């Protein structure tokens, strides 16, 4: 069903990672909805002052602050919009903090498009859509470099969306790896964690299974040269074995 743009609920999506932002925007638009995107608190507040939204879909951590801080600023002008948070942090403490900060639900990335859409429908009080598909399979020791089935599940089988997001992901990846390498060289654990936090979600959306596992290992527990080397190798394989745009 194609509704006129003016009849669609308007959603403010706030996400600084380009791959995650593209994925979440595509998923939200398919609910259907009209989506405005922002990559920072500053940009989100500007849009919030300009438009009235039915839903705010907000990242927990942004370059210029935290999602709960943004929600408080948006609430000052609108007490009624629904608010859903999204994060790659899997801990209960993170979810509790976001719920305590005023979000009605917390989505943990990566997750399939159907799960995003189901959460949007719940927040807007809409009837459920199609059943939520399964997420990326549990990480194991013999993961493929690229998991096409996982990417297809995440993007509801839309091959064009998979190709587009993979191209964006591969364009961003060298910069991400370089920032992690430089942070590791200086012992900047906070920067490493922040980069890995975003990278794991992006890997899940595009099916970069082996890199996701390496990023997970590097991001949990004591870091070592061996784990960094494993991560570096996985990143190299991800680029070298990237599927062609035509599949």
C-alpha atoms as a PDB file:
ATOM      1  CA  UNK A   1       0.000   0.000   0.000  1.00  0.00           C
ATOM      2  CA  UNK A   2       1.416   3.367  -1.026  1.00  0.00           C
ATOM      3  CA  UNK A   3       0.250   6.232   1.153  1.00  0.00           C
ATOM      4  CA  UNK A   4       0.659   9.908   0.294  1.00  0.00           C
ATOM      5  CA  UNK A   5       3.724  11.342   2.025  1.00  0.00           C
ATOM      6  CA  UNK A   6       1.572  13.674   4.093  1.00  0.00           C
ATOM      7  CA  UNK A   7      -0.325  10.702   5.560  1.00  0.00           C
ATOM      8  CA  UNK A   8       2.797   8.907   6.787  1.00  0.00           C
ATOM      9  CA  UNK A   9       4.063   9.186  10.363  1.00  0.00           C
ATOM     10  CA  UNK A  10       7.267  11.216  10.545  1.00  0.00           C
ATOM     11  CA  UNK A  11      10.270   9.650  12.284  1.00  0.00           C
ATOM     12  CA  UNK A  12      13.464  11.336  13.436  1.00  0.00           C
ATOM     13  CA  UNK A  13      16.342   8.866  13.129  1.00  0.00           C
ATOM     14  CA  UNK A  14      19.519   9.813  15.003  1.00  0.00           C
ATOM     15  CA  UNK A  15      22.602   7.707  14.207  1.00  0.00           C
ATOM     16  CA  UNK A  16      26.194   8.804  13.532  1.00  0.00           C
ATOM     17  CA  UNK A  17      27.421   5.624  11.824  1.00  0.00           C
ATOM     18  CA  UNK A  18      26.705   5.869   8.092  1.00  0.00           C
ATOM     19  CA  UNK A  19      26.020   2.158   7.521  1.00  0.00           C
ATOM     20  CA  UNK A  20      23.713   1.819  10.523  1.00  0.00           C
ATOM     21  CA  UNK A  21      21.936   5.043   9.551  1.00  0.00           C
ATOM     22  CA  UNK A  22      21.304   3.828   6.003  1.00  0.00           C
ATOM     23  CA  UNK A  23      20.024   0.456   7.245  1.00  0.00           C
ATOM     24  CA  UNK A  24      17.717   1.909   9.893  1.00  0.00           C
ATOM     25  CA  UNK A  25      16.358   4.548   7.512  1.00  0.00           C
ATOM     26  CA  UNK A  26      15.521   1.933   4.875  1.00  0.00           C
ATOM     27  CA  UNK A  27      13.862  -0.295   7.464  1.00  0.00           C
ATOM     28  CA  UNK A  28      11.826   2.566   8.937  1.00  0.00           C
ATOM     29  CA  UNK A  29      10.706   3.903   5.562  1.00  0.00           C
ATOM     30  CA  UNK A  30       9.327   0.470   4.687  1.00  0.00           C
ATOM     31  CA  UNK A  31       6.926   0.409   7.654  1.00  0.00           C
ATOM     32  CA  UNK A  32       5.870   2.823   5.886  1.00  0.00           C
ATOM     33  CA  UNK A  33       7.033   6.140   7.342  1.00  0.00           C
ATOM     34  CA  UNK A  34       8.692   9.395   6.413  1.00  0.00           C
ATOM     35  CA  UNK A  35      12.210   9.508   7.872  1.00  0.00           C
ATOM     36  CA  UNK A  36      14.497  12.456   8.617  1.00  0.00           C
ATOM     37  CA  UNK A  37      18.066  11.525   9.588  1.00  0.00           C
ATOM     38  CA  UNK A  38      20.553  13.267  11.878  1.00  0.00           C
ATOM     39  CA  UNK A  39      24.101  12.277  12.840  1.00  0.00           C
ATOM     40  CA  UNK A  40      24.481  14.295  16.056  1.00  0.00           C
ATOM     41  CA  UNK A  41      22.585  15.859  18.924  1.00  0.00           C
ATOM     42  CA  UNK A  42      23.021  19.280  17.358  1.00  0.00           C
ATOM     43  CA  UNK A  43      21.497  18.166  14.038  1.00  0.00           C
ATOM     44  CA  UNK A  44      18.672  16.313  15.806  1.00  0.00           C
ATOM     45  CA  UNK A  45      17.724  19.296  17.948  1.00  0.00           C
ATOM     46  CA  UNK A  46      17.648  21.481  14.833  1.00  0.00           C
ATOM     47  CA  UNK A  47      15.285  19.067  13.086  1.00  0.00           C
ATOM     48  CA  UNK A  48      13.219  18.640  16.255  1.00  0.00           C
ATOM     49  CA  UNK A  49      12.595  22.377  16.389  1.00  0.00           C
ATOM     50  CA  UNK A  50      11.584  22.420  12.730  1.00  0.00           C
ATOM     51  CA  UNK A  51       9.212  19.430  12.569  1.00  0.00           C
ATOM     52  CA  UNK A  52       6.736  17.528  14.725  1.00  0.00           C
ATOM     53  CA  UNK A  53       7.572  13.820  14.949  1.00  0.00           C
ATOM     54  CA  UNK A  54       5.535  10.748  15.813  1.00  0.00           C
ATOM     55  CA  UNK A  55       8.681   8.845  16.859  1.00  0.00           C
ATOM     56  CA  UNK A  56      12.286   9.545  17.771  1.00  0.00           C
ATOM     57  CA  UNK A  57      14.639   6.634  16.984  1.00  0.00           C
ATOM     58  CA  UNK A  58      17.822   7.562  18.822  1.00  0.00           C
ATOM     59  CA  UNK A  59      21.313   6.081  19.110  1.00  0.00           C
ATOM     60  CA  UNK A  60      22.536   5.655  22.682  1.00  0.00           C
ATOM     61  CA  UNK A  61      25.933   7.244  21.998  1.00  0.00           C
ATOM     62  CA  UNK A  62      26.563  10.164  19.661  1.00  0.00           C
ATOM     63  CA  UNK A  63      29.652  12.234  18.848  1.00  0.00           C
ATOM     64  CA  UNK A  64      28.424  15.189  20.888  1.00  0.00           C
ATOM     65  CA  UNK A  65      26.652  13.442  23.753  1.00  0.00           C
ATOM     66  CA  UNK A  66      24.378  10.633  24.895  1.00  0.00           C
ATOM     67  CA  UNK A  67      20.976   9.607  23.640  1.00  0.00           C
ATOM     68  CA  UNK A  68      19.323  10.222  27.005  1.00  0.00           C
ATOM     69  CA  UNK A  69      20.599  13.811  26.921  1.00  0.00           C
ATOM     70  CA  UNK A  70      19.097  14.314  23.473  1.00  0.00           C
ATOM     71  CA  UNK A  71      15.787  12.820  24.580  1.00  0.00           C
ATOM     72  CA  UNK A  72      15.573  15.255  27.479  1.00  0.00           C
ATOM     73  CA  UNK A  73      16.137  18.182  25.100  1.00  0.00           C
ATOM     74  CA  UNK A  74      13.543  16.920  22.633  1.00  0.00           C
ATOM     75  CA  UNK A  75      11.044  16.311  25.440  1.00  0.00           C
ATOM     76  CA  UNK A  76      11.285  19.960  26.446  1.00  0.00           C
ATOM     77  CA  UNK A  77       9.412  20.830  23.245  1.00  0.00           C
ATOM     78  CA  UNK A  78       7.285  17.711  22.767  1.00  0.00           C
ATOM     79  CA  UNK A  79       6.009  15.582  25.624  1.00  0.00           C
ATOM     80  CA  UNK A  80       4.057  13.142  23.469  1.00  0.00           C
ATOM     81  CA  UNK A  81       6.311  11.696  20.738  1.00  0.00           C
ATOM     82  CA  UNK A  82       7.273   8.054  21.136  1.00  0.00           C
ATOM     83  CA  UNK A  83      10.983   7.345  21.767  1.00  0.00           C
ATOM     84  CA  UNK A  84      12.947   4.174  20.994  1.00  0.00           C
ATOM     85  CA  UNK A  85      16.695   3.807  21.566  1.00  0.00           C
ATOM     86  CA  UNK A  86      19.148   1.681  19.607  1.00  0.00           C
ATOM     87  CA  UNK A  87      22.605   0.540  20.674  1.00  0.00           C
ATOM     88  CA  UNK A  88      25.254  -2.097  20.019  1.00  0.00           C
ATOM     89  CA  UNK A  89      25.814  -2.438  23.780  1.00  0.00           C
ATOM     90  CA  UNK A  90      24.366  -5.796  24.837  1.00  0.00           C
ATOM     91  CA  UNK A  91      24.597  -5.263  28.601  1.00  0.00           C
ATOM     92  CA  UNK A  92      21.553  -5.092  30.843  1.00  0.00           C
ATOM     93  CA  UNK A  93      22.942  -1.973  32.488  1.00  0.00           C
ATOM     94  CA  UNK A  94      22.923  -0.123  29.172  1.00  0.00           C
ATOM     95  CA  UNK A  95      19.309  -1.087  28.467  1.00  0.00           C
ATOM     96  CA  UNK A  96      18.204  -0.181  31.998  1.00  0.00           C
ATOM     97  CA  UNK A  97      19.896   3.208  31.716  1.00  0.00           C
ATOM     98  CA  UNK A  98      18.103   3.993  28.457  1.00  0.00           C
ATOM     99  CA  UNK A  99      14.722   2.868  29.773  1.00  0.00           C
ATOM    100  CA  UNK A 100      15.325   4.880  32.919  1.00  0.00           C
ATOM    101  CA  UNK A 101      16.167   7.855  30.706  1.00  0.00           C
ATOM    102  CA  UNK A 102      12.719   7.783  29.132  1.00  0.00           C
ATOM    103  CA  UNK A 103      12.893   5.430  26.139  1.00  0.00           C
ATOM    104  CA  UNK A 104      10.040   2.955  25.803  1.00  0.00           C
ATOM    105  CA  UNK A 105      12.162   0.261  24.172  1.00  0.00           C
ATOM    106  CA  UNK A 106      15.814  -0.499  23.424  1.00  0.00           C
ATOM    107  CA  UNK A 107      16.895  -2.173  20.164  1.00  0.00           C
ATOM    108  CA  UNK A 108      20.256  -3.953  20.213  1.00  0.00           C
ATOM    109  CA  UNK A 109      22.161  -3.756  16.920  1.00  0.00           C
ATOM    110  CA  UNK A 110      22.634  -5.608  14.669  1.00  0.00           C
ATOM    111  CA  UNK A 111      19.065  -6.747  14.166  1.00  0.00           C
ATOM    112  CA  UNK A 112      16.957  -7.575  11.117  1.00  0.00           C
ATOM    113  CA  UNK A 113      14.829  -4.988   9.376  1.00  0.00           C
ATOM    114  CA  UNK A 114      11.683  -6.797  10.484  1.00  0.00           C
ATOM    115  CA  UNK A 115      12.648  -6.303  14.131  1.00  0.00           C
ATOM    116  CA  UNK A 116      13.128  -2.562  13.580  1.00  0.00           C
ATOM    117  CA  UNK A 117       9.780  -2.338  11.846  1.00  0.00           C
ATOM    118  CA  UNK A 118       8.029  -4.315  14.591  1.00  0.00           C
ATOM    119  CA  UNK A 119       9.429  -1.940  17.225  1.00  0.00           C
ATOM    120  CA  UNK A 120       8.291   1.088  15.225  1.00  0.00           C
ATOM    121  CA  UNK A 121       4.792  -0.343  14.904  1.00  0.00           C
ATOM    122  CA  UNK A 122       4.661  -1.013  18.646  1.00  0.00           C
ATOM    123  CA  UNK A 123       5.826   2.513  19.444  1.00  0.00           C
ATOM    124  CA  UNK A 124       3.234   4.021  17.098  1.00  0.00           C
ATOM    125  CA  UNK A 125       0.446   1.724  18.287  1.00  0.00           C
ATOM    126  CA  UNK A 126       0.098   0.034  14.907  1.00  0.00           C
ATOM    127  CA  UNK A 127      -0.919  -3.581  14.276  1.00  0.00           C
ATOM    128  CA  UNK A 128       2.002  -6.008  13.969  1.00  0.00           C
ATOM    129  CA  UNK A 129       3.418  -6.614  10.513  1.00  0.00           C
ATOM    130  CA  UNK A 130       5.146  -9.730   9.233  1.00  0.00           C
ATOM    131  CA  UNK A 131       6.871 -11.982  11.803  1.00  0.00           C
ATOM    132  CA  UNK A 132      10.325 -10.891  12.901  1.00  0.00           C
ATOM    133  CA  UNK A 133      13.013 -12.869  11.091  1.00  0.00           C
ATOM    134  CA  UNK A 134      15.963 -14.471  12.838  1.00  0.00           C
ATOM    135  CA  UNK A 135      19.070 -12.452  13.557  1.00  0.00           C
ATOM    136  CA  UNK A 136      22.684 -13.123  12.660  1.00  0.00           C
ATOM    137  CA  UNK A 137      23.652 -16.634  13.732  1.00  0.00           C
ATOM    138  CA  UNK A 138      25.715 -17.042  16.884  1.00  0.00           C
ATOM    139  CA  UNK A 139      29.378 -16.338  16.251  1.00  0.00           C
ATOM    140  CA  UNK A 140      31.469 -19.469  15.861  1.00  0.00           C
ATOM    141  CA  UNK A 141      35.088 -20.354  15.151  1.00  0.00           C
ATOM    142  CA  UNK A 142      34.611 -21.214  11.444  1.00  0.00           C
ATOM    143  CA  UNK A 143      32.566 -18.292  10.230  1.00  0.00           C
ATOM    144  CA  UNK A 144      32.624 -17.314   6.571  1.00  0.00           C
ATOM    145  CA  UNK A 145      34.122 -13.950   5.683  1.00  0.00           C
ATOM    146  CA  UNK A 146      30.779 -12.904   4.216  1.00  0.00           C
ATOM    147  CA  UNK A 147      27.466 -14.437   5.290  1.00  0.00           C
ATOM    148  CA  UNK A 148      25.046 -13.672   2.460  1.00  0.00           C
ATOM    149  CA  UNK A 149      22.148 -15.405   4.199  1.00  0.00           C
ATOM    150  CA  UNK A 150      22.549 -13.234   7.305  1.00  0.00           C
ATOM    151  CA  UNK A 151      22.680 -10.059   5.199  1.00  0.00           C
ATOM    152  CA  UNK A 152      19.575 -11.137   3.321  1.00  0.00           C
ATOM    153  CA  UNK A 153      17.730 -11.781   6.578  1.00  0.00           C
ATOM    154  CA  UNK A 154      18.752  -8.406   7.989  1.00  0.00           C
ATOM    155  CA  UNK A 155      17.482  -6.606   4.893  1.00  0.00           C
ATOM    156  CA  UNK A 156      14.370  -8.701   4.222  1.00  0.00           C
ATOM    157  CA  UNK A 157      15.890 -10.279   1.121  1.00  0.00           C
ATOM    158  CA  UNK A 158      16.385  -6.971  -0.699  1.00  0.00           C
ATOM    159  CA  UNK A 159      19.535  -7.635  -2.759  1.00  0.00           C
ATOM    160  CA  UNK A 160      19.791  -4.007  -3.909  1.00  0.00           C
ATOM    161  CA  UNK A 161      19.850  -2.776  -0.306  1.00  0.00           C
ATOM    162  CA  UNK A 162      22.461  -5.390   0.604  1.00  0.00           C
ATOM    163  CA  UNK A 163      24.715  -4.264  -2.259  1.00  0.00           C
ATOM    164  CA  UNK A 164      24.292  -0.586  -1.403  1.00  0.00           C
ATOM    165  CA  UNK A 165      25.061  -1.052   2.288  1.00  0.00           C
ATOM    166  CA  UNK A 166      28.037  -3.291   1.561  1.00  0.00           C
ATOM    167  CA  UNK A 167      29.490  -0.648  -0.731  1.00  0.00           C
ATOM    168  CA  UNK A 168      29.070   1.973   1.970  1.00  0.00           C
ATOM    169  CA  UNK A 169      30.515  -0.383   4.592  1.00  0.00           C
ATOM    170  CA  UNK A 170      33.604  -1.171   2.511  1.00  0.00           C
ATOM    171  CA  UNK A 171      34.174   2.515   1.845  1.00  0.00           C
ATOM    172  CA  UNK A 172      34.120   3.264   5.579  1.00  0.00           C
ATOM    173  CA  UNK A 173      36.107   0.213   6.740  1.00  0.00           C
ATOM    174  CA  UNK A 174      39.704   1.347   6.008  1.00  0.00           C
ATOM    175  CA  UNK A 175      39.185   4.496   8.067  1.00  0.00           C
ATOM    176  CA  UNK A 176      37.694   2.500  10.937  1.00  0.00           C
ATOM    177  CA  UNK A 177      40.607   0.042  10.959  1.00  0.00           C
ATOM    178  CA  UNK A 178      43.114   2.893  10.841  1.00  0.00           C
ATOM    179  CA  UNK A 179      41.478   4.635  13.817  1.00  0.00           C
ATOM    180  CA  UNK A 180      41.493   1.394  15.817  1.00  0.00           C
ATOM    181  CA  UNK A 181      45.154   0.765  14.954  1.00  0.00           C
ATOM    182  CA  UNK A 182      46.155   4.282  16.024  1.00  0.00           C
ATOM    183  CA  UNK A 183      44.137   4.046  19.231  1.00  0.00           C
ATOM    184  CA  UNK A 184      45.743   0.686  20.036  1.00  0.00           C
ATOM    185  CA  UNK A 185      49.214   2.147  19.472  1.00  0.00           C
ATOM    186  CA  UNK A 186      48.543   4.889  22.021  1.00  0.00           C
ATOM    187  CA  UNK A 187      46.622   2.715  24.465  1.00  0.00           C
ATOM    188  CA  UNK A 188      43.386   4.674  23.957  1.00  0.00           C
ATOM    189  CA  UNK A 189      40.945   2.009  25.155  1.00  0.00           C
ATOM    190  CA  UNK A 190      37.946   4.350  25.088  1.00  0.00           C
ATOM    191  CA  UNK A 191      38.401   5.144  21.390  1.00  0.00           C
ATOM    192  CA  UNK A 192      38.907   1.467  20.542  1.00  0.00           C
ATOM    193  CA  UNK A 193      35.681   0.548  22.331  1.00  0.00           C
ATOM    194  CA  UNK A 194      33.728   3.312  20.609  1.00  0.00           C
ATOM    195  CA  UNK A 195      34.919   2.252  17.146  1.00  0.00           C
ATOM    196  CA  UNK A 196      34.294  -1.448  17.784  1.00  0.00           C
ATOM    197  CA  UNK A 197      30.861  -0.669  19.204  1.00  0.00           C
ATOM    198  CA  UNK A 198      29.767   0.838  15.867  1.00  0.00           C
ATOM    199  CA  UNK A 199      31.654  -1.643  13.708  1.00  0.00           C
ATOM    200  CA  UNK A 200      29.968  -4.706  15.200  1.00  0.00           C
ATOM    201  CA  UNK A 201      26.538  -3.330  14.336  1.00  0.00           C
ATOM    202  CA  UNK A 202      27.590  -2.477  10.780  1.00  0.00           C
ATOM    203  CA  UNK A 203      29.060  -5.957  10.288  1.00  0.00           C
ATOM    204  CA  UNK A 204      25.761  -7.505  11.290  1.00  0.00           C
ATOM    205  CA  UNK A 205      23.778  -5.446   8.793  1.00  0.00           C
ATOM    206  CA  UNK A 206      25.969  -6.429   5.844  1.00  0.00           C
ATOM    207  CA  UNK A 207      26.865 -10.004   6.824  1.00  0.00           C
ATOM    208  CA  UNK A 208      30.584  -9.430   7.527  1.00  0.00           C
ATOM    209  CA  UNK A 209      30.565 -12.400   9.871  1.00  0.00           C
ATOM    210  CA  UNK A 210      34.264 -13.075  10.435  1.00  0.00           C
ATOM    211  CA  UNK A 211      35.073  -9.419  11.037  1.00  0.00           C
ATOM    212  CA  UNK A 212      32.155  -9.195  13.478  1.00  0.00           C
ATOM    213  CA  UNK A 213      33.621 -12.096  15.464  1.00  0.00           C
ATOM    214  CA  UNK A 214      37.096 -10.551  15.465  1.00  0.00           C
ATOM    215  CA  UNK A 215      35.696  -7.188  16.565  1.00  0.00           C
ATOM    216  CA  UNK A 216      33.718  -8.903  19.322  1.00  0.00           C
ATOM    217  CA  UNK A 217      36.829 -10.704  20.570  1.00  0.00           C
ATOM    218  CA  UNK A 218      38.903  -7.523  20.497  1.00  0.00           C
ATOM    219  CA  UNK A 219      36.209  -5.569  22.293  1.00  0.00           C
ATOM    220  CA  UNK A 220      35.703  -7.967  25.203  1.00  0.00           C
ATOM    221  CA  UNK A 221      38.211  -9.010  27.807  1.00  0.00           C
ATOM    222  CA  UNK A 222      41.933  -8.166  27.899  1.00  0.00           C
ATOM    223  CA  UNK A 223      43.290  -6.936  24.569  1.00  0.00           C
ATOM    224  CA  UNK A 224      46.399  -8.542  23.131  1.00  0.00           C
ATOM    225  CA  UNK A 225      48.617  -8.339  20.079  1.00  0.00           C
ATOM    226  CA  UNK A 226      47.175 -11.671  18.942  1.00  0.00           C
ATOM    227  CA  UNK A 227      43.600 -10.357  19.036  1.00  0.00           C
ATOM    228  CA  UNK A 228      44.605  -7.199  17.213  1.00  0.00           C
ATOM    229  CA  UNK A 229      46.360  -9.297  14.552  1.00  0.00           C
ATOM    230  CA  UNK A 230      43.255 -11.467  14.186  1.00  0.00           C
ATOM    231  CA  UNK A 231      41.140  -8.358  13.761  1.00  0.00           C
ATOM    232  CA  UNK A 232      43.556  -6.912  11.202  1.00  0.00           C
ATOM    233  CA  UNK A 233      43.532 -10.152   9.209  1.00  0.00           C
ATOM    234  CA  UNK A 234      39.725 -10.366   9.284  1.00  0.00           C
ATOM    235  CA  UNK A 235      39.447  -6.789   8.017  1.00  0.00           C
ATOM    236  CA  UNK A 236      41.877  -7.537   5.187  1.00  0.00           C
ATOM    237  CA  UNK A 237      39.951 -10.698   4.202  1.00  0.00           C
ATOM    238  CA  UNK A 238      36.679  -8.751   4.319  1.00  0.00           C
ATOM    239  CA  UNK A 239      38.000  -6.293   1.739  1.00  0.00           C
ATOM    240  CA  UNK A 240      39.841  -8.863  -0.392  1.00  0.00           C
ATOM    241  CA  UNK A 241      36.873 -11.247  -0.587  1.00  0.00           C
ATOM    242  CA  UNK A 242      34.137  -8.646  -0.955  1.00  0.00           C
ATOM    243  CA  UNK A 243      31.297  -9.886  -3.185  1.00  0.00           C
ATOM    244  CA  UNK A 244      30.864  -8.095  -6.487  1.00  0.00           C
ATOM    245  CA  UNK A 245      27.964  -5.585  -6.575  1.00  0.00           C
ATOM    246  CA  UNK A 246      26.074  -7.919  -8.902  1.00  0.00           C
ATOM    247  CA  UNK A 247      26.326 -10.734  -6.341  1.00  0.00           C
END
